[in-house]
N, C-alpha and C. Protein backbone atom coordinates (compact mmCIF):
# COMPACT_ATOMS: atom_id res chain seq x y z
N MET A 1 4.50 23.24 19.29
CA MET A 1 3.68 22.93 18.17
C MET A 1 4.35 23.34 16.87
N ALA A 2 5.03 24.37 16.91
CA ALA A 2 5.70 24.86 15.72
C ALA A 2 6.81 23.91 15.30
N ARG A 3 7.43 23.21 16.27
CA ARG A 3 8.50 22.32 15.87
C ARG A 3 7.96 21.02 15.27
N ASP A 4 6.66 20.66 15.51
CA ASP A 4 6.07 19.48 14.90
C ASP A 4 5.77 19.69 13.42
N ARG A 5 5.73 20.90 13.00
CA ARG A 5 5.39 21.18 11.60
C ARG A 5 6.65 21.17 10.75
N VAL A 6 6.51 20.63 9.56
CA VAL A 6 7.60 20.64 8.59
C VAL A 6 7.54 21.98 7.89
N ALA A 7 8.67 22.51 7.63
CA ALA A 7 8.72 23.84 7.02
C ALA A 7 7.99 23.84 5.69
N GLY A 8 6.94 24.62 5.57
CA GLY A 8 6.23 24.84 4.33
C GLY A 8 5.17 23.79 4.02
N SER A 9 5.04 22.71 4.77
CA SER A 9 4.07 21.70 4.40
C SER A 9 2.73 21.92 5.08
N GLY A 10 2.71 22.50 6.22
CA GLY A 10 1.47 22.73 6.93
C GLY A 10 0.88 21.45 7.53
N GLU A 11 1.63 20.36 7.56
CA GLU A 11 1.14 19.07 8.03
C GLU A 11 1.92 18.68 9.28
N GLY A 12 1.23 18.20 10.30
CA GLY A 12 1.88 17.80 11.53
C GLY A 12 2.54 16.44 11.40
N ARG A 13 3.43 16.14 12.32
CA ARG A 13 4.16 14.87 12.31
C ARG A 13 3.22 13.69 12.51
N GLY A 14 2.22 13.82 13.37
CA GLY A 14 1.26 12.75 13.64
C GLY A 14 0.48 12.36 12.40
N ALA A 15 0.10 13.31 11.59
CA ALA A 15 -0.65 13.02 10.36
C ALA A 15 0.23 12.27 9.37
N ARG A 16 1.50 12.65 9.30
CA ARG A 16 2.42 11.96 8.39
C ARG A 16 2.63 10.52 8.83
N VAL A 17 2.72 10.28 10.12
CA VAL A 17 2.92 8.92 10.63
C VAL A 17 1.70 8.06 10.32
N LYS A 18 0.50 8.62 10.52
CA LYS A 18 -0.72 7.89 10.21
C LYS A 18 -0.78 7.54 8.73
N ARG A 19 -0.45 8.51 7.90
CA ARG A 19 -0.51 8.28 6.46
C ARG A 19 0.49 7.21 6.03
N SER A 20 1.67 7.23 6.60
CA SER A 20 2.68 6.22 6.22
C SER A 20 2.28 4.83 6.74
N ARG A 21 1.67 4.77 7.91
CA ARG A 21 1.20 3.47 8.43
C ARG A 21 0.09 2.91 7.54
N LEU A 22 -0.83 3.77 7.12
CA LEU A 22 -1.89 3.32 6.23
C LEU A 22 -1.33 2.84 4.90
N ALA A 23 -0.33 3.53 4.39
CA ALA A 23 0.29 3.12 3.13
C ALA A 23 0.97 1.77 3.28
N LEU A 24 1.65 1.55 4.40
CA LEU A 24 2.31 0.27 4.63
C LEU A 24 1.29 -0.85 4.79
N ALA A 25 0.21 -0.59 5.50
CA ALA A 25 -0.83 -1.60 5.68
C ALA A 25 -1.47 -1.94 4.34
N GLY A 26 -1.74 -0.94 3.53
CA GLY A 26 -2.31 -1.18 2.21
C GLY A 26 -1.38 -1.99 1.33
N ALA A 27 -0.10 -1.67 1.36
CA ALA A 27 0.88 -2.43 0.58
C ALA A 27 0.96 -3.87 1.06
N GLY A 28 0.88 -4.07 2.37
CA GLY A 28 0.90 -5.42 2.93
C GLY A 28 -0.29 -6.24 2.48
N LEU A 29 -1.47 -5.63 2.45
CA LEU A 29 -2.66 -6.32 1.99
C LEU A 29 -2.57 -6.69 0.52
N VAL A 30 -2.03 -5.80 -0.28
CA VAL A 30 -1.86 -6.09 -1.71
C VAL A 30 -0.90 -7.27 -1.90
N LEU A 31 0.21 -7.28 -1.16
CA LEU A 31 1.16 -8.38 -1.26
C LEU A 31 0.54 -9.70 -0.80
N LEU A 32 -0.25 -9.64 0.26
CA LEU A 32 -0.92 -10.84 0.76
C LEU A 32 -1.89 -11.38 -0.28
N ALA A 33 -2.66 -10.51 -0.90
CA ALA A 33 -3.61 -10.92 -1.93
C ALA A 33 -2.89 -11.52 -3.13
N LEU A 34 -1.80 -10.91 -3.53
CA LEU A 34 -1.05 -11.43 -4.67
C LEU A 34 -0.41 -12.77 -4.37
N SER A 35 0.08 -12.94 -3.15
CA SER A 35 0.71 -14.21 -2.80
C SER A 35 -0.33 -15.33 -2.74
N ALA A 36 -1.55 -15.00 -2.32
CA ALA A 36 -2.61 -16.02 -2.28
C ALA A 36 -2.99 -16.45 -3.69
N CYS A 37 -2.95 -15.54 -4.63
CA CYS A 37 -3.27 -15.87 -6.02
C CYS A 37 -2.20 -16.72 -6.67
N ALA A 38 -0.98 -16.60 -6.23
CA ALA A 38 0.13 -17.29 -6.86
C ALA A 38 0.32 -18.71 -6.36
N ARG A 39 -0.36 -19.12 -5.32
CA ARG A 39 -0.18 -20.46 -4.76
C ARG A 39 -0.72 -21.51 -5.72
N ASP A 40 -0.11 -22.67 -5.69
CA ASP A 40 -0.56 -23.80 -6.50
C ASP A 40 -1.35 -24.75 -5.62
N GLU A 41 -2.50 -24.32 -5.15
CA GLU A 41 -3.33 -25.16 -4.30
C GLU A 41 -4.34 -25.89 -5.16
N LYS A 42 -4.70 -27.08 -4.71
CA LYS A 42 -5.72 -27.85 -5.41
C LYS A 42 -7.07 -27.19 -5.17
N PRO A 43 -7.93 -27.20 -6.16
CA PRO A 43 -9.27 -26.64 -5.94
C PRO A 43 -10.05 -27.53 -4.99
N ALA A 44 -11.06 -26.96 -4.40
CA ALA A 44 -11.89 -27.72 -3.47
C ALA A 44 -12.55 -28.87 -4.24
N PRO A 45 -12.68 -30.04 -3.62
CA PRO A 45 -13.28 -31.17 -4.32
C PRO A 45 -14.75 -30.89 -4.65
N ALA A 46 -15.21 -31.50 -5.71
CA ALA A 46 -16.61 -31.37 -6.10
C ALA A 46 -17.48 -31.96 -5.01
N PRO A 47 -18.73 -31.53 -4.90
CA PRO A 47 -19.60 -32.03 -3.82
C PRO A 47 -19.74 -33.55 -3.81
N VAL A 48 -19.83 -34.16 -4.97
CA VAL A 48 -19.96 -35.63 -5.02
C VAL A 48 -18.69 -36.29 -4.51
N GLU A 49 -17.55 -35.75 -4.94
CA GLU A 49 -16.27 -36.30 -4.49
C GLU A 49 -16.08 -36.07 -2.99
N ALA A 50 -16.49 -34.90 -2.51
CA ALA A 50 -16.38 -34.61 -1.08
C ALA A 50 -17.25 -35.57 -0.27
N ALA A 51 -18.44 -35.88 -0.77
CA ALA A 51 -19.32 -36.82 -0.07
C ALA A 51 -18.70 -38.20 -0.04
N HIS A 52 -18.09 -38.59 -1.15
CA HIS A 52 -17.44 -39.90 -1.21
C HIS A 52 -16.27 -39.96 -0.22
N LEU A 53 -15.48 -38.90 -0.17
CA LEU A 53 -14.36 -38.87 0.78
C LEU A 53 -14.84 -38.92 2.22
N ARG A 54 -15.92 -38.18 2.51
CA ARG A 54 -16.50 -38.19 3.86
C ARG A 54 -17.01 -39.59 4.21
N ALA A 55 -17.70 -40.22 3.26
CA ALA A 55 -18.23 -41.57 3.50
C ALA A 55 -17.09 -42.55 3.73
N GLN A 56 -16.02 -42.42 2.96
CA GLN A 56 -14.88 -43.32 3.13
C GLN A 56 -14.23 -43.12 4.50
N ALA A 57 -14.15 -41.87 4.94
CA ALA A 57 -13.59 -41.60 6.28
C ALA A 57 -14.47 -42.23 7.36
N LEU A 58 -15.79 -42.15 7.18
CA LEU A 58 -16.70 -42.77 8.15
C LEU A 58 -16.58 -44.29 8.13
N ILE A 59 -16.44 -44.86 6.94
CA ILE A 59 -16.27 -46.32 6.84
C ILE A 59 -14.97 -46.74 7.52
N ASP A 60 -13.90 -46.01 7.28
CA ASP A 60 -12.62 -46.32 7.93
C ASP A 60 -12.74 -46.22 9.45
N SER A 61 -13.45 -45.20 9.91
CA SER A 61 -13.65 -45.03 11.35
C SER A 61 -14.50 -46.17 11.91
N GLY A 62 -15.52 -46.58 11.16
CA GLY A 62 -16.35 -47.70 11.58
C GLY A 62 -15.55 -48.99 11.64
N SER A 63 -14.67 -49.18 10.67
CA SER A 63 -13.83 -50.39 10.66
C SER A 63 -12.89 -50.41 11.86
N ALA A 64 -12.35 -49.24 12.22
CA ALA A 64 -11.48 -49.16 13.39
C ALA A 64 -12.27 -49.50 14.66
N ALA A 65 -13.48 -48.96 14.78
CA ALA A 65 -14.31 -49.25 15.95
C ALA A 65 -14.67 -50.74 15.99
N TYR A 66 -14.96 -51.32 14.84
CA TYR A 66 -15.29 -52.75 14.76
C TYR A 66 -14.10 -53.59 15.22
N ARG A 67 -12.90 -53.25 14.73
CA ARG A 67 -11.70 -54.00 15.14
C ARG A 67 -11.45 -53.89 16.64
N ASN A 68 -11.84 -52.76 17.23
CA ASN A 68 -11.65 -52.56 18.67
C ASN A 68 -12.79 -53.16 19.50
N GLY A 69 -13.76 -53.75 18.84
CA GLY A 69 -14.86 -54.39 19.55
C GLY A 69 -15.98 -53.46 19.95
N ASP A 70 -15.95 -52.22 19.49
CA ASP A 70 -17.01 -51.26 19.80
C ASP A 70 -18.03 -51.30 18.66
N PHE A 71 -18.89 -52.33 18.70
CA PHE A 71 -19.81 -52.58 17.59
C PHE A 71 -20.92 -51.54 17.49
N ALA A 72 -21.33 -50.96 18.61
CA ALA A 72 -22.36 -49.91 18.57
C ALA A 72 -21.82 -48.67 17.86
N ALA A 73 -20.61 -48.27 18.18
CA ALA A 73 -20.00 -47.12 17.51
C ALA A 73 -19.77 -47.42 16.04
N ALA A 74 -19.35 -48.65 15.75
CA ALA A 74 -19.13 -49.05 14.35
C ALA A 74 -20.43 -48.96 13.57
N ALA A 75 -21.52 -49.44 14.16
CA ALA A 75 -22.82 -49.40 13.48
C ALA A 75 -23.24 -47.95 13.20
N LYS A 76 -23.01 -47.07 14.16
CA LYS A 76 -23.37 -45.65 13.96
C LYS A 76 -22.55 -45.04 12.83
N ARG A 77 -21.27 -45.35 12.79
CA ARG A 77 -20.41 -44.76 11.75
C ARG A 77 -20.73 -45.31 10.37
N TYR A 78 -20.99 -46.62 10.30
CA TYR A 78 -21.38 -47.19 9.01
C TYR A 78 -22.72 -46.63 8.56
N ALA A 79 -23.65 -46.47 9.48
CA ALA A 79 -24.95 -45.89 9.13
C ALA A 79 -24.80 -44.45 8.65
N SER A 80 -23.92 -43.71 9.29
CA SER A 80 -23.66 -42.33 8.85
C SER A 80 -23.06 -42.32 7.44
N ALA A 81 -22.18 -43.26 7.17
CA ALA A 81 -21.60 -43.36 5.83
C ALA A 81 -22.67 -43.68 4.80
N ALA A 82 -23.62 -44.52 5.17
CA ALA A 82 -24.71 -44.87 4.26
C ALA A 82 -25.61 -43.67 3.98
N VAL A 83 -25.74 -42.77 4.95
CA VAL A 83 -26.53 -41.56 4.74
C VAL A 83 -25.78 -40.60 3.82
N VAL A 84 -24.48 -40.45 4.05
CA VAL A 84 -23.67 -39.53 3.26
C VAL A 84 -23.54 -40.03 1.81
N SER A 85 -23.35 -41.33 1.65
CA SER A 85 -23.18 -41.91 0.31
C SER A 85 -24.08 -43.14 0.20
N PRO A 86 -25.36 -42.93 -0.12
CA PRO A 86 -26.32 -44.04 -0.11
C PRO A 86 -26.09 -45.10 -1.19
N GLU A 87 -25.18 -44.88 -2.10
CA GLU A 87 -24.92 -45.86 -3.16
C GLU A 87 -23.63 -46.64 -2.91
N ASP A 88 -23.08 -46.55 -1.70
CA ASP A 88 -21.82 -47.23 -1.38
C ASP A 88 -22.11 -48.56 -0.69
N PRO A 89 -21.85 -49.68 -1.36
CA PRO A 89 -22.16 -50.98 -0.74
C PRO A 89 -21.31 -51.27 0.49
N ALA A 90 -20.11 -50.70 0.56
CA ALA A 90 -19.24 -50.96 1.71
C ALA A 90 -19.86 -50.44 3.01
N ALA A 91 -20.58 -49.33 2.93
CA ALA A 91 -21.22 -48.78 4.13
C ALA A 91 -22.29 -49.74 4.65
N TYR A 92 -23.08 -50.29 3.74
CA TYR A 92 -24.14 -51.22 4.16
C TYR A 92 -23.57 -52.56 4.62
N TYR A 93 -22.52 -53.00 3.98
CA TYR A 93 -21.91 -54.26 4.39
C TYR A 93 -21.32 -54.14 5.78
N GLY A 94 -20.60 -53.03 6.04
CA GLY A 94 -20.06 -52.81 7.37
C GLY A 94 -21.16 -52.68 8.40
N LEU A 95 -22.24 -51.99 8.02
CA LEU A 95 -23.38 -51.86 8.94
C LEU A 95 -23.95 -53.24 9.26
N GLY A 96 -24.05 -54.09 8.25
CA GLY A 96 -24.54 -55.45 8.49
C GLY A 96 -23.64 -56.22 9.44
N MET A 97 -22.33 -56.09 9.27
CA MET A 97 -21.40 -56.79 10.17
C MET A 97 -21.57 -56.32 11.61
N ALA A 98 -21.65 -55.00 11.79
CA ALA A 98 -21.77 -54.45 13.16
C ALA A 98 -23.11 -54.84 13.78
N LEU A 99 -24.17 -54.76 13.00
CA LEU A 99 -25.49 -55.12 13.54
C LEU A 99 -25.54 -56.60 13.89
N ALA A 100 -24.89 -57.45 13.11
CA ALA A 100 -24.85 -58.88 13.42
C ALA A 100 -24.14 -59.12 14.74
N LYS A 101 -23.07 -58.40 14.98
CA LYS A 101 -22.35 -58.56 16.26
C LYS A 101 -23.19 -58.07 17.43
N LEU A 102 -24.08 -57.13 17.17
CA LEU A 102 -24.96 -56.62 18.23
C LEU A 102 -26.19 -57.50 18.42
N GLY A 103 -26.32 -58.55 17.59
CA GLY A 103 -27.47 -59.45 17.71
C GLY A 103 -28.72 -58.92 17.02
N ARG A 104 -28.60 -57.92 16.22
CA ARG A 104 -29.74 -57.33 15.50
C ARG A 104 -29.78 -57.94 14.10
N ASP A 105 -30.13 -59.23 14.06
CA ASP A 105 -30.00 -60.02 12.85
C ASP A 105 -30.91 -59.57 11.71
N ASP A 106 -32.15 -59.24 12.02
CA ASP A 106 -33.06 -58.82 10.95
C ASP A 106 -32.55 -57.56 10.26
N GLU A 107 -32.09 -56.61 11.05
CA GLU A 107 -31.55 -55.38 10.49
C GLU A 107 -30.25 -55.66 9.72
N ALA A 108 -29.46 -56.60 10.23
CA ALA A 108 -28.21 -56.97 9.56
C ALA A 108 -28.51 -57.56 8.19
N ARG A 109 -29.53 -58.42 8.11
CA ARG A 109 -29.90 -59.02 6.83
C ARG A 109 -30.35 -57.97 5.82
N VAL A 110 -31.08 -56.97 6.30
CA VAL A 110 -31.52 -55.89 5.41
C VAL A 110 -30.31 -55.12 4.89
N ALA A 111 -29.36 -54.84 5.76
CA ALA A 111 -28.15 -54.11 5.35
C ALA A 111 -27.34 -54.94 4.36
N TYR A 112 -27.20 -56.26 4.61
CA TYR A 112 -26.49 -57.13 3.68
C TYR A 112 -27.19 -57.18 2.32
N ALA A 113 -28.51 -57.25 2.35
CA ALA A 113 -29.27 -57.29 1.09
C ALA A 113 -29.06 -56.01 0.29
N ARG A 114 -29.05 -54.88 0.98
CA ARG A 114 -28.81 -53.60 0.29
C ARG A 114 -27.39 -53.56 -0.28
N ALA A 115 -26.43 -54.06 0.48
CA ALA A 115 -25.05 -54.11 -0.02
C ALA A 115 -24.97 -55.00 -1.26
N ARG A 116 -25.65 -56.12 -1.21
CA ARG A 116 -25.65 -57.04 -2.35
C ARG A 116 -26.30 -56.39 -3.57
N GLU A 117 -27.41 -55.71 -3.33
CA GLU A 117 -28.11 -55.02 -4.42
C GLU A 117 -27.23 -53.95 -5.06
N LEU A 118 -26.55 -53.18 -4.23
CA LEU A 118 -25.69 -52.11 -4.74
C LEU A 118 -24.46 -52.64 -5.46
N SER A 119 -23.96 -53.78 -5.02
CA SER A 119 -22.76 -54.33 -5.65
C SER A 119 -23.13 -55.23 -6.83
N ARG A 120 -24.40 -55.28 -7.16
CA ARG A 120 -24.91 -56.04 -8.31
C ARG A 120 -24.54 -57.51 -8.25
N GLY A 121 -24.77 -58.09 -7.08
CA GLY A 121 -24.55 -59.52 -6.95
C GLY A 121 -23.11 -59.93 -6.72
N GLU A 122 -22.22 -58.98 -6.51
CA GLU A 122 -20.82 -59.35 -6.29
C GLU A 122 -20.63 -60.08 -4.96
N LEU A 123 -21.54 -59.89 -4.02
CA LEU A 123 -21.48 -60.61 -2.75
C LEU A 123 -22.30 -61.89 -2.88
N ASP A 124 -21.85 -62.94 -2.28
CA ASP A 124 -22.64 -64.17 -2.28
C ASP A 124 -22.89 -64.59 -0.84
N ASP A 125 -23.63 -65.67 -0.66
CA ASP A 125 -23.98 -66.10 0.69
C ASP A 125 -22.75 -66.45 1.53
N GLU A 126 -21.66 -66.82 0.89
CA GLU A 126 -20.45 -67.18 1.62
C GLU A 126 -19.78 -65.96 2.27
N THR A 127 -20.08 -64.76 1.79
CA THR A 127 -19.45 -63.57 2.35
C THR A 127 -20.22 -63.04 3.56
N ILE A 128 -21.42 -63.56 3.79
CA ILE A 128 -22.16 -63.16 4.98
C ILE A 128 -21.53 -63.86 6.18
N PRO A 129 -21.25 -63.13 7.25
CA PRO A 129 -20.62 -63.76 8.41
C PRO A 129 -21.40 -64.98 8.92
N HIS A 130 -20.66 -65.92 9.44
CA HIS A 130 -21.23 -67.18 9.91
C HIS A 130 -22.35 -66.95 10.93
N GLU A 131 -22.17 -65.97 11.81
CA GLU A 131 -23.16 -65.72 12.85
C GLU A 131 -24.53 -65.41 12.25
N VAL A 132 -24.56 -64.64 11.20
CA VAL A 132 -25.84 -64.27 10.59
C VAL A 132 -26.43 -65.46 9.85
N ARG A 133 -25.60 -66.20 9.10
CA ARG A 133 -26.11 -67.37 8.39
C ARG A 133 -26.66 -68.40 9.37
N TYR A 134 -25.95 -68.61 10.48
CA TYR A 134 -26.39 -69.59 11.47
C TYR A 134 -27.71 -69.16 12.10
N ARG A 135 -27.79 -67.91 12.53
CA ARG A 135 -29.00 -67.42 13.16
C ARG A 135 -30.16 -67.41 12.17
N ARG A 136 -29.89 -67.15 10.92
CA ARG A 136 -30.94 -67.09 9.93
C ARG A 136 -31.55 -68.48 9.72
N THR A 137 -30.73 -69.49 9.74
CA THR A 137 -31.27 -70.85 9.54
C THR A 137 -31.93 -71.35 10.81
N LYS A 138 -31.44 -70.91 11.95
CA LYS A 138 -32.00 -71.38 13.22
C LYS A 138 -33.32 -70.70 13.54
N HIS A 139 -33.44 -69.43 13.20
CA HIS A 139 -34.64 -68.65 13.49
C HIS A 139 -35.26 -68.19 12.17
N PRO A 140 -36.26 -68.89 11.68
CA PRO A 140 -36.83 -68.55 10.38
C PRO A 140 -37.44 -67.17 10.31
């Protein structure tokens, strides 16, 4: 025990090791905090922008499902996009396309009408898929 003590300090070797480890850990945390402050990261997007990005990701996912012929999944993704961003006409238009492929014509017409309303008349009857226009004239 006497050899563990430093002459005149009254402190054991184990206490010195603990103290030096704590000092190193503290210095490491300070360096980590400083390095995080120095990064040039973009700030988190605003909630409106984040919602728009999420809606766009859902629309892209719905379009991929539609291209693969999975119209039920496409309809769910477009509907989710419409919930996330209710003012996005692309979500309603995609929903209308998917619902038309599923044979849900009345719901498809409602989605197309909402898309038309949101786009302020930018869509015309020629942009509605042939299947919906045909079924609409055949079944009043």
